[in-house]
Every structure is written in structure tokens, then in C-alpha cells.
C-alpha atoms as a PDB file:
ATOM      1  CA  MET A   1     -15.873 -44.624-129.485  1.00  0.00           C
ATOM      2  CA  MET A   2     -18.510 -47.131-128.306  1.00  0.00           C
ATOM      3  CA  ASN A   3     -20.586 -48.691-130.893  1.00  0.00           C
ATOM      4  CA  PRO A   4     -24.348 -48.118-130.314  1.00  0.00           C
ATOM      5  CA  PRO A   5     -26.679 -51.275-129.945  1.00  0.00           C
ATOM      6  CA  GLU A   6     -27.814 -52.698-133.288  1.00  0.00           C
ATOM      7  CA  THR A   7     -31.730 -52.136-133.585  1.00  0.00           C
ATOM      8  CA  ASP A   8     -34.622 -52.981-135.496  1.00  0.00           C
ATOM      9  CA  SER A   9     -36.556 -49.802-136.866  1.00  0.00           C
ATOM     10  CA  ASP A  10     -39.357 -50.901-134.174  1.00  0.00           C
ATOM     11  CA  SER A  11     -37.299 -50.987-131.096  1.00  0.00           C
ATOM     12  CA  PRO A  12     -37.846 -47.422-129.837  1.00  0.00           C
ATOM     13  CA  LEU A  13     -41.668 -47.826-130.349  1.00  0.00           C
ATOM     14  CA  ARG A  14     -41.590 -51.090-129.030  1.00  0.00           C
ATOM     15  CA  LEU A  15     -39.906 -49.663-125.980  1.00  0.00           C
ATOM     16  CA  THR A  16     -42.729 -47.016-125.442  1.00  0.00           C
ATOM     17  CA  ARG A  17     -45.471 -49.534-125.596  1.00  0.00           C
ATOM     18  CA  LEU A  18     -43.631 -52.083-122.814  1.00  0.00           C
ATOM     19  CA  VAL A  19     -42.901 -48.958-120.715  1.00  0.00           C
ATOM     20  CA  ALA A  20     -46.732 -47.551-121.075  1.00  0.00           C
ATOM     21  CA  LEU A  21     -48.200 -51.277-120.447  1.00  0.00           C
ATOM     22  CA  ALA A  22     -45.352 -52.270-117.476  1.00  0.00           C
ATOM     23  CA  ALA A  23     -46.160 -49.213-115.756  1.00  0.00           C
ATOM     24  CA  GLY A  24     -49.879 -49.966-115.745  1.00  0.00           C
ATOM     25  CA  GLN A  25     -49.572 -53.049-114.196  1.00  0.00           C
ATOM     26  CA  ASP A  26     -50.648 -52.910-110.464  1.00  0.00           C
ATOM     27  CA  ASP A  27     -47.736 -54.777-109.056  1.00  0.00           C
ATOM     28  CA  VAL A  28     -45.099 -52.815-111.104  1.00  0.00           C
ATOM     29  CA  LYS A  29     -46.732 -49.603-110.063  1.00  0.00           C
ATOM     30  CA  THR A  30     -46.630 -50.644-106.249  1.00  0.00           C
ATOM     31  CA  ASP A  31     -42.683 -51.326-106.809  1.00  0.00           C
ATOM     32  CA  VAL A  32     -42.119 -48.261-108.640  1.00  0.00           C
ATOM     33  CA  GLN A  33     -44.233 -45.969-105.689  1.00  0.00           C
ATOM     34  CA  ALA A  34     -42.374 -47.955-102.889  1.00  0.00           C
ATOM     35  CA  ASN A  35     -38.655 -47.037-104.505  1.00  0.00           C
ATOM     36  CA  HIS A  36     -38.973 -43.891-106.161  1.00  0.00           C
ATOM     37  CA  ASP A  37     -38.968 -41.128-103.644  1.00  0.00           C
ATOM     38  CA  ASN A  38     -36.832 -42.914-101.275  1.00  0.00           C
ATOM     39  CA  ASN A  39     -35.265 -46.466-102.662  1.00  0.00           C
ATOM     40  CA  GLN A  40     -35.032 -49.562-100.261  1.00  0.00           C
ATOM     41  CA  TRP A  41     -31.422 -50.484-101.769  1.00  0.00           C
ATOM     42  CA  TRP A  42     -30.105 -46.437-101.946  1.00  0.00           C
ATOM     43  CA  PRO A  43     -31.974 -44.629 -99.075  1.00  0.00           C
ATOM     44  CA  THR A  44     -31.908 -40.642 -99.481  1.00  0.00           C
ATOM     45  CA  TRP A  45     -30.819 -40.301 -95.907  1.00  0.00           C
ATOM     46  CA  ILE A  46     -27.261 -41.331 -96.675  1.00  0.00           C
ATOM     47  CA  THR A  47     -25.822 -38.158 -97.866  1.00  0.00           C
ATOM     48  CA  ASP A  48     -22.078 -38.779 -98.162  1.00  0.00           C
ATOM     49  CA  TYR A  49     -21.372 -39.328-101.863  1.00  0.00           C
ATOM     50  CA  ARG A  50     -18.738 -41.687-100.758  1.00  0.00           C
ATOM     51  CA  MET A  51     -20.802 -43.975 -98.756  1.00  0.00           C
ATOM     52  CA  ARG A  52     -23.423 -44.103-101.145  1.00  0.00           C
ATOM     53  CA  MET A  53     -21.085 -45.209-103.806  1.00  0.00           C
ATOM     54  CA  LEU A  54     -19.726 -48.014-101.242  1.00  0.00           C
ATOM     55  CA  VAL A  55     -22.959 -49.454-100.624  1.00  0.00           C
ATOM     56  CA  ALA A  56     -24.298 -49.273-103.953  1.00  0.00           C
ATOM     57  CA  GLY A  57     -21.296 -51.482-104.613  1.00  0.00           C
ATOM     58  CA  TRP A  58     -22.025 -53.563-101.873  1.00  0.00           C
ATOM     59  CA  SER A  59     -25.817 -53.943-103.096  1.00  0.00           C
ATOM     60  CA  THR A  60     -24.662 -56.420-105.999  1.00  0.00           C
ATOM     61  CA  ARG A  61     -25.307 -60.158-105.663  1.00  0.00           C
ATOM     62  CA  ILE A  62     -27.826 -59.975-103.063  1.00  0.00           C
ATOM     63  CA  SER A  63     -31.535 -61.228-103.585  1.00  0.00           C
ATOM     64  CA  TYR A  64     -34.475 -59.545-103.031  1.00  0.00           C
ATOM     65  CA  ASN A  65     -35.624 -61.173-100.624  1.00  0.00           C
ATOM     66  CA  MET A  66     -32.098 -60.161 -98.447  1.00  0.00           C
ATOM     67  CA  ILE A  67     -33.108 -56.445 -98.744  1.00  0.00           C
ATOM     68  CA  GLY A  68     -34.028 -56.463 -95.052  1.00  0.00           C
ATOM     69  CA  THR A  69     -30.269 -58.110 -93.920  1.00  0.00           C
ATOM     70  CA  TYR A  70     -28.682 -55.511 -96.649  1.00  0.00           C
ATOM     71  CA  ALA A  71     -30.566 -52.528 -95.300  1.00  0.00           C
ATOM     72  CA  GLY A  72     -29.459 -53.373 -91.519  1.00  0.00           C
ATOM     73  CA  VAL A  73     -25.789 -53.333 -92.851  1.00  0.00           C
ATOM     74  CA  VAL A  74     -26.116 -50.094 -94.911  1.00  0.00           C
ATOM     75  CA  THR A  75     -27.347 -48.245 -91.486  1.00  0.00           C
ATOM     76  CA  GLN A  76     -24.773 -49.864 -89.542  1.00  0.00           C
ATOM     77  CA  SER A  77     -22.288 -48.800 -91.690  1.00  0.00           C
ATOM     78  CA  ALA A  78     -23.572 -45.593 -92.398  1.00  0.00           C
ATOM     79  CA  ARG A  79     -23.619 -44.871 -88.952  1.00  0.00           C
ATOM     80  CA  ILE A  80     -19.894 -45.724 -88.624  1.00  0.00           C
ATOM     81  CA  GLY A  81     -19.067 -43.336 -91.205  1.00  0.00           C
ATOM     82  CA  PHE A  82     -17.001 -43.814 -94.469  1.00  0.00           C
ATOM     83  CA  ASP A  83     -13.686 -42.234 -92.905  1.00  0.00           C
ATOM     84  CA  THR A  84     -13.879 -44.501 -89.927  1.00  0.00           C
ATOM     85  CA  LEU A  85     -14.629 -47.718 -91.981  1.00  0.00           C
ATOM     86  CA  THR A  86     -11.696 -47.211 -94.350  1.00  0.00           C
ATOM     87  CA  ARG A  87      -9.672 -47.054 -91.214  1.00  0.00           C
ATOM     88  CA  MET A  88     -11.090 -50.166 -89.618  1.00  0.00           C
ATOM     89  CA  PRO A  89      -9.111 -53.248 -89.864  1.00  0.00           C
ATOM     90  CA  ASP A  90     -10.334 -56.130 -92.215  1.00  0.00           C
ATOM     91  CA  ALA A  91     -11.371 -58.355 -89.673  1.00  0.00           C
ATOM     92  CA  GLU A  92     -13.791 -55.622 -88.180  1.00  0.00           C
ATOM     93  CA  VAL A  93     -15.078 -54.939 -91.622  1.00  0.00           C
ATOM     94  CA  ALA A  94     -15.541 -58.560 -92.384  1.00  0.00           C
ATOM     95  CA  ALA A  95     -17.902 -59.000 -89.078  1.00  0.00           C
ATOM     96  CA  LEU A  96     -19.761 -56.005 -90.114  1.00  0.00           C
ATOM     97  CA  ILE A  97     -20.692 -57.120 -93.611  1.00  0.00           C
ATOM     98  CA  GLN A  98     -20.547 -60.978 -92.957  1.00  0.00           C
ATOM     99  CA  PRO A  99     -24.727 -61.084 -93.326  1.00  0.00           C
ATOM    100  CA  LEU A 100     -23.935 -59.984 -96.892  1.00  0.00           C
ATOM    101  CA  GLY A 101     -21.808 -62.964 -97.969  1.00  0.00           C
ATOM    102  CA  LEU A 102     -18.538 -62.355-100.178  1.00  0.00           C
ATOM    103  CA  PRO A 103     -16.525 -60.549 -97.477  1.00  0.00           C
ATOM    104  CA  ALA A 104     -13.067 -60.570 -99.403  1.00  0.00           C
ATOM    105  CA  ALA A 105     -14.606 -59.201-102.340  1.00  0.00           C
ATOM    106  CA  ARG A 106     -16.617 -56.407-100.792  1.00  0.00           C
ATOM    107  CA  ILE A 107     -13.593 -55.392 -98.664  1.00  0.00           C
ATOM    108  CA  GLY A 108     -11.442 -55.449-101.729  1.00  0.00           C
ATOM    109  CA  TYR A 109     -13.981 -53.237-103.054  1.00  0.00           C
ATOM    110  CA  LEU A 110     -14.026 -50.928-100.128  1.00  0.00           C
ATOM    111  CA  ARG A 111      -9.965 -50.533-100.223  1.00  0.00           C
ATOM    112  CA  SER A 112     -10.107 -49.928-104.211  1.00  0.00           C
ATOM    113  CA  LEU A 113     -12.651 -47.514-104.005  1.00  0.00           C
ATOM    114  CA  THR A 114     -11.176 -45.474-101.287  1.00  0.00           C
ATOM    115  CA  ALA A 115      -7.963 -45.237-103.628  1.00  0.00           C
ATOM    116  CA  PHE A 116      -9.919 -44.088-106.310  1.00  0.00           C
ATOM    117  CA  LEU A 117     -11.668 -41.415-104.471  1.00  0.00           C
ATOM    118  CA  ASP A 118      -8.453 -40.319-103.054  1.00  0.00           C
ATOM    119  CA  SER A 119      -6.845 -40.150-106.344  1.00  0.00           C
ATOM    120  CA  ARG A 120     -10.038 -37.795-107.971  1.00  0.00           C
ATOM    121  CA  ASP A 121     -11.575 -34.694-106.468  1.00  0.00           C
ATOM    122  CA  ARG A 122     -15.357 -34.196-105.859  1.00  0.00           C
ATOM    123  CA  ASP A 123     -16.014 -32.041-108.764  1.00  0.00           C
ATOM    124  CA  TYR A 124     -14.753 -34.785-111.040  1.00  0.00           C
ATOM    125  CA  LEU A 125     -16.736 -37.415-109.502  1.00  0.00           C
ATOM    126  CA  LEU A 126     -19.916 -35.525-109.046  1.00  0.00           C
ATOM    127  CA  GLU A 127     -19.834 -33.403-112.331  1.00  0.00           C
ATOM    128  CA  ALA A 128     -17.509 -34.773-115.102  1.00  0.00           C
ATOM    129  CA  ASP A 129     -18.723 -36.897-117.992  1.00  0.00           C
ATOM    130  CA  ALA A 130     -20.765 -39.941-116.925  1.00  0.00           C
ATOM    131  CA  THR A 131     -19.538 -42.397-119.426  1.00  0.00           C
ATOM    132  CA  THR A 132     -15.991 -41.155-118.524  1.00  0.00           C
ATOM    133  CA  VAL A 133     -16.403 -41.425-114.892  1.00  0.00           C
ATOM    134  CA  ILE A 134     -18.078 -44.966-115.432  1.00  0.00           C
ATOM    135  CA  ALA A 135     -15.284 -46.305-117.557  1.00  0.00           C
ATOM    136  CA  ASN A 136     -12.711 -45.026-115.167  1.00  0.00           C
ATOM    137  CA  PHE A 137     -14.567 -46.495-112.205  1.00  0.00           C
ATOM    138  CA  ALA A 138     -15.150 -49.924-114.015  1.00  0.00           C
ATOM    139  CA  ASN A 139     -11.401 -50.365-115.030  1.00  0.00           C
ATOM    140  CA  GLU A 140      -9.681 -48.913-111.902  1.00  0.00           C
ATOM    141  CA  VAL A 141     -12.116 -50.156-109.011  1.00  0.00           C
ATOM    142  CA  ALA A 142     -11.233 -53.885-107.722  1.00  0.00           C
ATOM    143  CA  HIS A 143     -14.650 -55.918-107.794  1.00  0.00           C
ATOM    144  CA  ALA A 144     -16.543 -53.566-109.890  1.00  0.00           C
ATOM    145  CA  SER A 145     -17.968 -53.786-113.325  1.00  0.00           C
ATOM    146  CA  TYR A 146     -19.832 -51.365-115.665  1.00  0.00           C
ATOM    147  CA  LYS A 147     -22.905 -52.251-113.563  1.00  0.00           C
ATOM    148  CA  VAL A 148     -21.191 -51.354-110.380  1.00  0.00           C
ATOM    149  CA  ALA A 149     -20.040 -48.351-111.823  1.00  0.00           C
ATOM    150  CA  GLN A 150     -23.348 -47.170-113.346  1.00  0.00           C
ATOM    151  CA  CYS A 151     -24.967 -47.896-109.880  1.00  0.00           C
ATOM    152  CA  SER A 152     -22.342 -46.466-107.717  1.00  0.00           C
ATOM    153  CA  LEU A 153     -22.571 -42.883-109.770  1.00  0.00           C
ATOM    154  CA  LEU A 154     -26.287 -42.933-109.997  1.00  0.00           C
ATOM    155  CA  TYR A 155     -26.636 -42.693-106.144  1.00  0.00           C
ATOM    156  CA  ALA A 156     -23.590 -40.462-105.760  1.00  0.00           C
ATOM    157  CA  ARG A 157     -25.116 -38.147-107.907  1.00  0.00           C
ATOM    158  CA  GLY A 158     -28.593 -38.380-106.887  1.00  0.00           C
ATOM    159  CA  TYR A 159     -31.950 -40.491-108.392  1.00  0.00           C
ATOM    160  CA  HIS A 160     -32.635 -37.799-111.037  1.00  0.00           C
ATOM    161  CA  CYS A 161     -28.929 -37.136-112.782  1.00  0.00           C
ATOM    162  CA  GLY A 162     -30.127 -38.858-115.527  1.00  0.00           C
ATOM    163  CA  ILE A 163     -28.103 -42.494-115.275  1.00  0.00           C
ATOM    164  CA  ILE A 164     -30.274 -45.268-116.075  1.00  0.00           C
ATOM    165  CA  PRO A 165     -28.415 -48.407-114.689  1.00  0.00           C
ATOM    166  CA  VAL A 166     -28.555 -51.846-116.304  1.00  0.00           C
ATOM    167  CA  ASP A 167     -28.264 -54.979-114.674  1.00  0.00           C
ATOM    168  CA  SER A 168     -27.391 -58.304-116.260  1.00  0.00           C
ATOM    169  CA  GLY A 169     -31.082 -59.440-116.804  1.00  0.00           C
ATOM    170  CA  MET A 170     -31.802 -56.386-118.452  1.00  0.00           C
ATOM    171  CA  ILE A 171     -29.140 -57.807-121.156  1.00  0.00           C
ATOM    172  CA  SER A 172     -30.202 -61.270-121.366  1.00  0.00           C
ATOM    173  CA  ARG A 173     -34.010 -60.564-120.773  1.00  0.00           C
ATOM    174  CA  LEU A 174     -35.156 -57.476-121.832  1.00  0.00           C
ATOM    175  CA  ALA A 175     -32.801 -56.608-124.694  1.00  0.00           C
ATOM    176  CA  PRO A 176     -33.541 -59.662-127.092  1.00  0.00           C
ATOM    177  CA  ALA A 177     -37.476 -58.670-126.187  1.00  0.00           C
ATOM    178  CA  LEU A 178     -36.783 -55.121-127.400  1.00  0.00           C
ATOM    179  CA  GLY A 179     -34.954 -56.275-130.670  1.00  0.00           C
ATOM    180  CA  LEU A 180     -31.512 -54.918-129.529  1.00  0.00           C
ATOM    181  CA  SER A 181     -28.216 -56.748-130.407  1.00  0.00           C
ATOM    182  CA  LEU A 182     -25.605 -56.069-127.954  1.00  0.00           C
ATOM    183  CA  SER A 183     -21.885 -56.615-127.877  1.00  0.00           C
ATOM    184  CA  SER A 184     -20.681 -59.731-125.860  1.00  0.00           C
ATOM    185  CA  GLY A 185     -19.061 -58.925-122.702  1.00  0.00           C
ATOM    186  CA  ALA A 186     -19.540 -56.192-120.139  1.00  0.00           C
ATOM    187  CA  ILE A 187     -19.423 -53.294-122.272  1.00  0.00           C
ATOM    188  CA  ALA A 188     -23.019 -54.334-123.401  1.00  0.00           C
ATOM    189  CA  HIS A 189     -24.275 -52.530-119.935  1.00  0.00           C
ATOM    190  CA  GLU A 190     -22.690 -49.523-121.261  1.00  0.00           C
ATOM    191  CA  GLN A 191     -24.293 -49.825-124.650  1.00  0.00           C
ATOM    192  CA  MET A 192     -27.870 -50.316-123.219  1.00  0.00           C
ATOM    193  CA  ARG A 193     -27.747 -47.625-120.498  1.00  0.00           C
ATOM    194  CA  LEU A 194     -26.853 -45.117-123.359  1.00  0.00           C
ATOM    195  CA  TYR A 195     -29.423 -46.653-125.555  1.00  0.00           C
ATOM    196  CA  LEU A 196     -32.106 -46.153-122.762  1.00  0.00           C
ATOM    197  CA  GLU A 197     -30.770 -42.763-121.803  1.00  0.00           C
ATOM    198  CA  THR A 198     -31.104 -41.345-125.363  1.00  0.00           C
ATOM    199  CA  HIS A 199     -34.832 -42.767-125.338  1.00  0.00           C
ATOM    200  CA  ALA A 200     -35.896 -41.388-121.927  1.00  0.00           C
ATOM    201  CA  ASP A 201     -34.351 -37.868-123.423  1.00  0.00           C
ATOM    202  CA  THR A 202     -36.194 -38.383-126.603  1.00  0.00           C
ATOM    203  CA  HIS A 203     -39.633 -39.550-125.049  1.00  0.00           C
ATOM    204  CA  GLY A 204     -39.336 -37.639-121.691  1.00  0.00           C
ATOM    205  CA  ASP A 205     -42.488 -35.559-122.409  1.00  0.00           C
ATOM    206  CA  TYR A 206     -44.453 -38.846-123.341  1.00  0.00           C
ATOM    207  CA  TYR A 207     -43.216 -40.430-120.067  1.00  0.00           C
ATOM    208  CA  THR A 208     -43.629 -37.348-117.911  1.00  0.00           C
ATOM    209  CA  ARG A 209     -47.582 -37.317-119.214  1.00  0.00           C
ATOM    210  CA  LEU A 210     -47.989 -40.928-118.621  1.00  0.00           C
ATOM    211  CA  ARG A 211     -46.680 -40.480-114.980  1.00  0.00           C
ATOM    212  CA  TYR A 212     -48.958 -37.696-114.273  1.00  0.00           C
ATOM    213  CA  GLU A 213     -51.909 -39.715-115.737  1.00  0.00           C
ATOM    214  CA  GLN A 214     -51.327 -42.403-113.359  1.00  0.00           C
ATOM    215  CA  ARG A 215     -50.524 -39.873-110.511  1.00  0.00           C
ATOM    216  CA  ALA A 216     -47.779 -42.246-109.731  1.00  0.00           C
ATOM    217  CA  VAL A 217     -44.690 -40.313-108.244  1.00  0.00           C
ATOM    218  CA  ALA A 218     -43.419 -36.992-108.255  1.00  0.00           C
ATOM    219  CA  PHE A 219     -39.804 -35.641-109.691  1.00  0.00           C
ATOM    220  CA  PRO A 220     -38.140 -32.383-110.404  1.00  0.00           C
ATOM    221  CA  ALA A 221     -39.340 -30.103-113.128  1.00  0.00           C
ATOM    222  CA  ARG A 222     -36.677 -30.211-115.856  1.00  0.00           C
ATOM    223  CA  ALA A 223     -35.582 -33.566-115.052  1.00  0.00           C
ATOM    224  CA  THR A 224     -35.768 -36.336-117.470  1.00  0.00           C
ATOM    225  CA  PRO A 225     -38.124 -39.503-115.936  1.00  0.00           C
ATOM    226  CA  SER A 226     -34.898 -41.332-116.323  1.00  0.00           C
ATOM    227  CA  TRP A 227     -34.912 -42.811-112.825  1.00  0.00           C
ATOM    228  CA  TRP A 228     -38.735 -43.592-113.265  1.00  0.00           C
ATOM    229  CA  LEU A 229     -38.165 -45.319-116.290  1.00  0.00           C
ATOM    230  CA  HIS A 230     -35.221 -47.171-114.660  1.00  0.00           C
ATOM    231  CA  LEU A 231     -37.536 -48.683-112.029  1.00  0.00           C
ATOM    232  CA  VAL A 232     -40.276 -49.403-114.425  1.00  0.00           C
ATOM    233  CA  LEU A 233     -37.999 -51.597-116.557  1.00  0.00           C
ATOM    234  CA  ILE A 234     -36.211 -53.411-113.770  1.00  0.00           C
ATOM    235  CA  TYR A 235     -39.410 -54.245-112.036  1.00  0.00           C
ATOM    236  CA  PHE A 236     -41.116 -55.210-114.871  1.00  0.00           C
ATOM    237  CA  LYS A 237     -38.081 -57.571-115.734  1.00  0.00           C
ATOM    238  CA  ARG A 238     -38.177 -58.888-112.272  1.00  0.00           C
ATOM    239  CA  ARG A 239     -42.056 -59.921-112.119  1.00  0.00           C
ATOM    240  CA  TYR A 240     -42.477 -60.756-115.857  1.00  0.00           C
ATOM    241  CA  LEU A 241     -39.283 -61.648-117.498  1.00  0.00           C
ATOM    242  CA  ASN A 242     -36.739 -63.068-115.018  1.00  0.00           C
ATOM    243  CA  GLN A 243     -39.348 -66.368-115.116  1.00  0.00           C
ATOM    244  CA  PRO A 244     -41.399 -65.760-117.988  1.00  0.00           C
ATOM    245  CA  HIS A 245     -44.852 -64.816-117.003  1.00  0.00           C
ATOM    246  CA  PRO A 246     -47.443 -66.791-118.973  1.00  0.00           C
ATOM    247  CA  ARG A 247     -48.814 -63.426-120.014  1.00  0.00           C
ATOM    248  CA  VAL A 248     -45.840 -62.319-121.797  1.00  0.00           C
ATOM    249  CA  CYS A 249     -45.539 -62.650-125.329  1.00  0.00           C
ATOM    250  CA  GLN A 250     -42.887 -65.369-126.418  1.00  0.00           C
ATOM    251  CA  GLN A 251     -42.005 -63.734-129.489  1.00  0.00           C
ATOM    252  CA  ARG A 252     -38.514 -62.223-129.728  1.00  0.00           C
ATOM    253  CA  PRO A 253     -38.649 -59.732-130.167  1.00  0.00           C
ATOM    254  CA  PHE A 254     -41.969 -58.718-128.541  1.00  0.00           C
ATOM    255  CA  CYS A 255     -44.756 -58.259-131.025  1.00  0.00           C
ATOM    256  CA  ASP A 256     -46.802 -55.006-130.891  1.00  0.00           C
ATOM    257  CA  GLN A 257     -48.914 -56.315-128.123  1.00  0.00           C
ATOM    258  CA  VAL A 258     -46.310 -56.991-125.703  1.00  0.00           C
ATOM    259  CA  MET A 259     -48.650 -59.027-123.194  1.00  0.00           C
ATOM    260  CA  ASP A 260     -52.045 -60.934-123.491  1.00  0.00           C
ATOM    261  CA  CYS A 261     -50.938 -61.818-127.424  1.00  0.00           C
ATOM    262  CA  ALA A 262     -51.697 -64.994-129.282  1.00  0.00           C
ATOM    263  CA  HIS A 263     -47.850 -65.534-128.350  1.00  0.00           C
ATOM    264  CA  SER A 264     -48.473 -65.951-124.730  1.00  0.00           C
ATOM    265  CA  PRO A 265     -48.868 -69.203-123.190  1.00  0.00           C
ATOM    266  CA  ALA A 266     -51.649 -67.754-121.078  1.00  0.00           C
ATOM    267  CA  MET A 267     -53.667 -66.727-124.363  1.00  0.00           C
ATOM    268  CA  ALA A 268     -52.929 -70.387-125.791  1.00  0.00           C
ATOM    269  CA  MET A 269     -54.667 -72.012-122.996  1.00  0.00           C
ATOM    270  CA  ALA A 270     -57.337 -70.091-123.097  1.00  0.00           C
END
């Protein structure tokens, strides 16, 4: 059984405060609204769950300013179709994905993913316990990881399936700010995912009310706001934590105020 992250007693409350504050920032709100109903990285028009798992894996190691290039490759690939892609020679696939870089790794992922999918039935992939599928995926698919497995399974099952993928910045930037102590290595992504998903379940009513108050986005009744929470956290991290924003608390873990506090450089210079 996976060990849960070590937390201080204030960590859940600190997270709810951060989410409420982050969701109210105009830039984060704009990002969430632009990506919630039809995500730029994983668009709704792709319906084949196998193609979804492929392009989610191909989205790794691509900077945000390359999203247009990535979208072009995704569109071409989806029009070709998953079955045709798997029959194409490596040289043809390499030419297709050349704009993304790392062609050998991405082709290796395609080939290994195909073998993984061939060895499992659709019900297992889309209905079985997510933690089990993610672990199998991370261990068996070449050039995958827990992070790639989380993203691939989320996109295959749909935005509102309850999975909250965790990227490296959420481990190195967000977790310390929340008072979370994670294991070293790739398993930290799973620890953080399970912590956030439990938090989304526990505080789902609060976040649903918050989302309604902001008139931000819609999601299915009975669905926990896990996708919304993921987007709020990922865009807050990108805009305020990757390059520490002068308004953000420099104390770790964050103080109760999170932003515009005595620990933020902007307030210190005021």
C-alpha cells in the first residue's frame, strides 16, 4: 500500500484558502475558462480513447508556447487514426511528430502503448480502479511515468472522471507551499494525486459553490470538481510559482494569507 504524504494539520485548510484565492485571480480564471470545457492540450473532438492516451503522452516535454505546434500534430495524427498510425513505419511517424522533438522517445511510447492496449480490454482501461491502471501503465509503457499515466488515463476516461494529474512543478513548488512532505522519486506524483483527489471529494460542495459564485464554468451534476481543481492549481503554479511572483508568500509552507502578506517581496518593498 502506498504511504500517504506527511502533512501538517493546517495543510487541508491551507489548500482551500489557496484555491479560493487562486480561482479569483483574473489571469488564472481566464486560463481555467479557456481550458475547462474544451482543453487546448486534450480537446474533446478526439473520441478514440486510444488516441487520447497517445496524444496525452505526446504532450509531455512541450512548453506552453509550443501549444499551437502541438495542436497541429495532434490534429494530423487524429485524422490519420490510431490504427493507421500503429502500422506506419517509424520514419513516417518521425516525420509527422518532428515538430515536437524527441522523435525516438515518442515513437517508443507509441509502440509500447500499442502493445499495452492490445494486452488489455477496454473495460479494464476505462472502468478498473484508477490507481491500479496507472501503476500498470507507468511500469509497462516505455517512456511513460506516473505523470504520463495519470494524464493518459484522465483523458481516456474524460475530464470529469475524478483523476487529478500531477506534474513535476506541483511536486517541487506546490507541495512544499502546502506543507506536504512527499516521498522521493516518481511515486511522489501518485501520493500528491491521491491527496488532491481526496481533498476534492471532501471539499467538493465548497468548490462547487465557489465555482457557481464566480460563474466560471459548468460541469456535470454529481461530478466532483476535480478537473476544475486541477486547472486552478496547474495555472496558479504556472503563473505564480514557477517563477516566484512578488505577490506570493515566500514562507514555506504558506502563511494563512498566501498572497500580499508580510512575507511577499511586493509588500516588503511597499
